[in-house]
Amino acid sequence: MARDVDRPRQLHRTDWMALLSGILFIVLGILILTRSITDPLVLLPVMVTGLGFAGLMAIIARVFRSK
C-alpha cells in the first residue's frame, strides 16, 4: 500500500448555504415530529427566514473568500 505523504492535504471549502439549510430542515423536522410546531402558518415564516439567513451567510462567506 502506497502512502501519499509528500502530497499536501487539500481542504474543501465549507458550503454554508447547504450546511445551514440542512441544519434548519433537521431542526424543523424534529419540531414537527415532537409536535412542538403544529401550525403551518408558523412553520412557513420560520422556514423562509431560516433559508434567507442561510443565503445571507453564504453571500458574506463568498465576499470574504474573494478578498
N, C-alpha and C. Protein backbone atom coordinates (compact mmCIF):
# COMPACT_ATOMS: atom_id res chain seq x y z
N MET A 1 0.82 -1.17 0.00
CA MET A 1 0.00 0.00 0.00
C MET A 1 0.88 1.25 0.00
N ALA A 2 0.69 2.11 -0.98
CA ALA A 2 1.50 3.33 -1.09
C ALA A 2 0.89 4.45 -0.26
N ARG A 3 1.76 5.22 0.32
CA ARG A 3 1.30 6.36 1.12
C ARG A 3 1.61 7.64 0.37
N ASP A 4 0.72 8.59 0.45
CA ASP A 4 0.93 9.89 -0.17
C ASP A 4 1.33 10.89 0.91
N VAL A 5 2.54 10.72 1.41
CA VAL A 5 3.00 11.56 2.50
C VAL A 5 3.49 12.91 1.97
N ASP A 6 4.01 12.93 0.76
CA ASP A 6 4.60 14.15 0.22
C ASP A 6 3.54 15.13 -0.28
N ARG A 7 2.38 14.63 -0.61
CA ARG A 7 1.35 15.49 -1.17
C ARG A 7 0.61 16.22 -0.06
N PRO A 8 0.48 17.56 -0.15
CA PRO A 8 -0.25 18.28 0.90
C PRO A 8 -1.74 17.96 0.84
N ARG A 9 -2.33 17.96 1.99
CA ARG A 9 -3.76 17.64 2.07
C ARG A 9 -4.59 18.81 1.56
N GLN A 10 -5.56 18.51 0.69
CA GLN A 10 -6.43 19.55 0.16
C GLN A 10 -7.66 19.67 1.04
N LEU A 11 -7.98 20.90 1.40
CA LEU A 11 -9.14 21.15 2.23
C LEU A 11 -10.29 21.64 1.37
N HIS A 12 -11.48 21.23 1.71
CA HIS A 12 -12.67 21.67 0.99
C HIS A 12 -13.23 22.92 1.65
N ARG A 13 -13.75 23.81 0.83
CA ARG A 13 -14.41 24.99 1.37
C ARG A 13 -15.77 24.60 1.92
N THR A 14 -16.17 25.26 2.97
CA THR A 14 -17.47 24.98 3.58
C THR A 14 -18.57 25.61 2.74
N ASP A 15 -19.55 24.82 2.40
CA ASP A 15 -20.73 25.32 1.68
C ASP A 15 -21.75 25.72 2.73
N TRP A 16 -21.74 27.01 3.09
CA TRP A 16 -22.56 27.50 4.19
C TRP A 16 -24.04 27.38 3.90
N MET A 17 -24.43 27.60 2.64
CA MET A 17 -25.85 27.52 2.29
C MET A 17 -26.37 26.09 2.54
N ALA A 18 -25.63 25.12 2.08
CA ALA A 18 -26.05 23.73 2.25
C ALA A 18 -26.02 23.31 3.72
N LEU A 19 -24.98 23.72 4.43
CA LEU A 19 -24.86 23.35 5.84
C LEU A 19 -25.98 23.93 6.69
N LEU A 20 -26.22 25.23 6.55
CA LEU A 20 -27.25 25.87 7.36
C LEU A 20 -28.65 25.43 6.95
N SER A 21 -28.87 25.20 5.66
CA SER A 21 -30.18 24.71 5.22
C SER A 21 -30.45 23.31 5.76
N GLY A 22 -29.43 22.47 5.74
CA GLY A 22 -29.58 21.13 6.29
C GLY A 22 -29.89 21.14 7.77
N ILE A 23 -29.19 21.98 8.51
CA ILE A 23 -29.46 22.10 9.95
C ILE A 23 -30.88 22.61 10.19
N LEU A 24 -31.30 23.59 9.38
CA LEU A 24 -32.65 24.14 9.50
C LEU A 24 -33.71 23.06 9.30
N PHE A 25 -33.57 22.26 8.24
CA PHE A 25 -34.57 21.25 7.97
C PHE A 25 -34.55 20.11 8.99
N ILE A 26 -33.39 19.80 9.53
CA ILE A 26 -33.33 18.79 10.59
C ILE A 26 -34.06 19.29 11.84
N VAL A 27 -33.79 20.54 12.21
CA VAL A 27 -34.45 21.11 13.39
C VAL A 27 -35.96 21.22 13.18
N LEU A 28 -36.37 21.68 12.00
CA LEU A 28 -37.81 21.77 11.72
C LEU A 28 -38.46 20.39 11.72
N GLY A 29 -37.76 19.40 11.20
CA GLY A 29 -38.29 18.04 11.22
C GLY A 29 -38.47 17.52 12.63
N ILE A 30 -37.50 17.80 13.49
CA ILE A 30 -37.61 17.38 14.88
C ILE A 30 -38.77 18.10 15.56
N LEU A 31 -38.92 19.40 15.29
CA LEU A 31 -40.01 20.15 15.90
C LEU A 31 -41.38 19.65 15.43
N ILE A 32 -41.46 19.23 14.18
CA ILE A 32 -42.73 18.70 13.66
C ILE A 32 -43.02 17.33 14.27
N LEU A 33 -41.99 16.48 14.35
CA LEU A 33 -42.20 15.14 14.90
C LEU A 33 -42.54 15.16 16.38
N THR A 34 -42.00 16.11 17.11
CA THR A 34 -42.31 16.21 18.53
C THR A 34 -43.57 17.04 18.79
N ARG A 35 -44.17 17.50 17.73
CA ARG A 35 -45.41 18.30 17.77
C ARG A 35 -45.23 19.61 18.53
N SER A 36 -44.02 20.17 18.47
CA SER A 36 -43.80 21.50 19.03
C SER A 36 -44.36 22.58 18.11
N ILE A 37 -44.30 22.31 16.81
CA ILE A 37 -44.90 23.20 15.82
C ILE A 37 -45.98 22.42 15.09
N THR A 38 -47.21 22.86 15.21
CA THR A 38 -48.31 22.17 14.52
C THR A 38 -48.99 23.07 13.51
N ASP A 39 -48.77 24.37 13.60
CA ASP A 39 -49.44 25.33 12.73
C ASP A 39 -48.58 25.62 11.50
N PRO A 40 -49.07 25.35 10.30
CA PRO A 40 -48.29 25.64 9.09
C PRO A 40 -48.03 27.14 8.91
N LEU A 41 -48.88 27.98 9.49
CA LEU A 41 -48.67 29.42 9.37
C LEU A 41 -47.48 29.90 10.21
N VAL A 42 -47.06 29.09 11.15
CA VAL A 42 -45.85 29.39 11.92
C VAL A 42 -44.64 28.76 11.22
N LEU A 43 -44.83 27.59 10.68
CA LEU A 43 -43.74 26.85 10.04
C LEU A 43 -43.20 27.56 8.81
N LEU A 44 -44.06 28.09 7.98
CA LEU A 44 -43.65 28.71 6.73
C LEU A 44 -42.75 29.93 6.95
N PRO A 45 -43.12 30.90 7.80
CA PRO A 45 -42.21 32.04 8.01
C PRO A 45 -40.88 31.65 8.66
N VAL A 46 -40.92 30.66 9.54
CA VAL A 46 -39.67 30.20 10.17
C VAL A 46 -38.75 29.61 9.10
N MET A 47 -39.31 28.82 8.20
CA MET A 47 -38.52 28.20 7.14
C MET A 47 -37.96 29.25 6.17
N VAL A 48 -38.79 30.19 5.76
CA VAL A 48 -38.34 31.23 4.83
C VAL A 48 -37.28 32.12 5.47
N THR A 49 -37.47 32.47 6.73
CA THR A 49 -36.47 33.28 7.44
C THR A 49 -35.16 32.52 7.58
N GLY A 50 -35.24 31.24 7.91
CA GLY A 50 -34.03 30.43 8.05
C GLY A 50 -33.27 30.28 6.74
N LEU A 51 -34.00 30.08 5.64
CA LEU A 51 -33.34 29.98 4.34
C LEU A 51 -32.75 31.32 3.91
N GLY A 52 -33.43 32.40 4.25
CA GLY A 52 -32.89 33.73 3.96
C GLY A 52 -31.60 33.98 4.73
N PHE A 53 -31.58 33.58 5.99
CA PHE A 53 -30.37 33.71 6.81
C PHE A 53 -29.24 32.87 6.23
N ALA A 54 -29.54 31.65 5.81
CA ALA A 54 -28.51 30.78 5.23
C ALA A 54 -27.96 31.40 3.94
N GLY A 55 -28.83 31.97 3.13
CA GLY A 55 -28.38 32.63 1.91
C GLY A 55 -27.51 33.83 2.19
N LEU A 56 -27.88 34.61 3.19
CA LEU A 56 -27.09 35.78 3.58
C LEU A 56 -25.70 35.36 4.07
N MET A 57 -25.63 34.32 4.86
CA MET A 57 -24.34 33.84 5.35
C MET A 57 -23.48 33.31 4.19
N ALA A 58 -24.10 32.66 3.21
CA ALA A 58 -23.35 32.17 2.05
C ALA A 58 -22.78 33.33 1.24
N ILE A 59 -23.55 34.41 1.10
CA ILE A 59 -23.07 35.58 0.36
C ILE A 59 -21.92 36.25 1.12
N ILE A 60 -22.06 36.39 2.41
CA ILE A 60 -21.00 37.00 3.23
C ILE A 60 -19.73 36.16 3.17
N ALA A 61 -19.87 34.83 3.24
CA ALA A 61 -18.70 33.95 3.17
C ALA A 61 -18.01 34.07 1.81
N ARG A 62 -18.78 34.19 0.75
CA ARG A 62 -18.20 34.33 -0.58
C ARG A 62 -17.44 35.64 -0.72
N VAL A 63 -17.96 36.71 -0.13
CA VAL A 63 -17.28 38.01 -0.18
C VAL A 63 -15.96 37.95 0.55
N PHE A 64 -15.92 37.31 1.72
CA PHE A 64 -14.69 37.22 2.48
C PHE A 64 -13.69 36.28 1.83
N ARG A 65 -14.14 35.26 1.12
CA ARG A 65 -13.22 34.35 0.43
C ARG A 65 -12.52 35.03 -0.73
N SER A 66 -13.24 35.93 -1.41
CA SER A 66 -12.65 36.55 -2.60
C SER A 66 -11.61 37.63 -2.26
N LYS A 67 -11.53 38.03 -1.00
CA LYS A 67 -10.54 39.05 -0.61
C LYS A 67 -9.19 38.45 -0.37
